[in-house]
């Protein structure tokens, strides 16, 4: 398992939901630039953003982190 699985997963979740980086950044209360850095793996995703994304997409944090294949 790659430590950067969550980078691919958060991008796929966003694209599957037909959302832009700007829309997700607004959900997280951050800038589009910072969110883009999370998706590229340039910055690590803070835990409070991980929790927010989990609730927003209706998936488990383990799914986002690549620790589980089950979404919930």
Protein backbone atom coordinates (compact mmCIF):
# COMPACT_ATOMS: atom_id res chain seq x y z
CA UNK A 1 0.00 0.00 0.00
CA UNK A 2 1.28 3.42 -0.97
CA UNK A 3 1.27 6.19 1.64
CA UNK A 4 -0.10 8.51 -1.03
CA UNK A 5 -3.20 6.44 -1.86
CA UNK A 6 -5.38 9.13 -0.31
CA UNK A 7 -4.14 11.66 -2.89
CA UNK A 8 -5.58 9.56 -5.72
CA UNK A 9 -8.70 8.72 -3.71
CA UNK A 10 -9.64 12.31 -2.84
CA UNK A 11 -9.22 13.30 -6.49
CA UNK A 12 -11.36 10.36 -7.65
CA UNK A 13 -14.06 11.10 -5.07
CA UNK A 14 -14.18 14.74 -6.19
CA UNK A 15 -14.33 13.84 -9.88
CA UNK A 16 -16.98 11.14 -9.30
CA UNK A 17 -19.09 13.75 -7.48
CA UNK A 18 -18.64 16.18 -10.43
CA UNK A 19 -17.17 18.81 -8.11
CA UNK A 20 -14.41 21.31 -8.81
CA UNK A 21 -11.41 21.86 -6.59
CA UNK A 22 -12.88 25.26 -5.74
CA UNK A 23 -16.16 23.70 -4.57
CA UNK A 24 -14.37 21.22 -2.31
CA UNK A 25 -12.06 23.94 -1.00
CA UNK A 26 -15.17 25.90 0.02
CA UNK A 27 -16.51 22.84 1.88
CA UNK A 28 -13.19 22.62 3.72
CA UNK A 29 -12.93 26.34 4.36
CA UNK A 30 -9.62 26.62 2.52
CA UNK A 31 -8.38 28.01 -0.78
CA UNK A 32 -8.47 26.20 -4.10
CA UNK A 33 -4.68 26.51 -4.22
CA UNK A 34 -4.27 24.71 -0.89
CA UNK A 35 -6.77 22.01 -1.85
CA UNK A 36 -4.89 21.46 -5.11
CA UNK A 37 -1.74 20.94 -3.03
CA UNK A 38 -3.54 18.18 -1.08
CA UNK A 39 -4.55 16.47 -4.33
CA UNK A 40 -0.98 16.64 -5.64
CA UNK A 41 0.47 15.39 -2.37
CA UNK A 42 2.50 18.59 -1.92
CA UNK A 43 0.83 19.10 1.50
CA UNK A 44 -0.56 16.44 3.81
CA UNK A 45 -4.30 16.53 4.36
CA UNK A 46 -5.06 17.67 7.93
CA UNK A 47 -7.18 15.34 10.04
CA UNK A 48 -10.02 17.87 10.36
CA UNK A 49 -10.21 18.02 6.53
CA UNK A 50 -10.12 14.22 6.34
CA UNK A 51 -13.13 14.06 8.66
CA UNK A 52 -14.99 16.75 6.70
CA UNK A 53 -14.37 14.96 3.39
CA UNK A 54 -15.48 11.66 4.91
CA UNK A 55 -18.79 13.20 5.98
CA UNK A 56 -19.22 15.12 2.71
CA UNK A 57 -18.71 12.06 0.49
CA UNK A 58 -20.40 9.60 2.88
CA UNK A 59 -17.37 7.33 3.06
CA UNK A 60 -15.17 6.16 5.92
CA UNK A 61 -11.88 7.80 6.74
CA UNK A 62 -10.27 4.38 6.29
CA UNK A 63 -11.57 4.35 2.70
CA UNK A 64 -10.06 7.78 1.99
CA UNK A 65 -6.76 6.68 3.52
CA UNK A 66 -6.71 3.54 1.39
CA UNK A 67 -6.93 1.26 4.44
CA UNK A 68 -10.27 -0.24 3.46
CA UNK A 69 -11.94 -1.01 0.14
CA UNK A 70 -15.37 -0.62 1.77
CA UNK A 71 -16.68 2.92 1.38
CA UNK A 72 -18.57 2.95 4.67
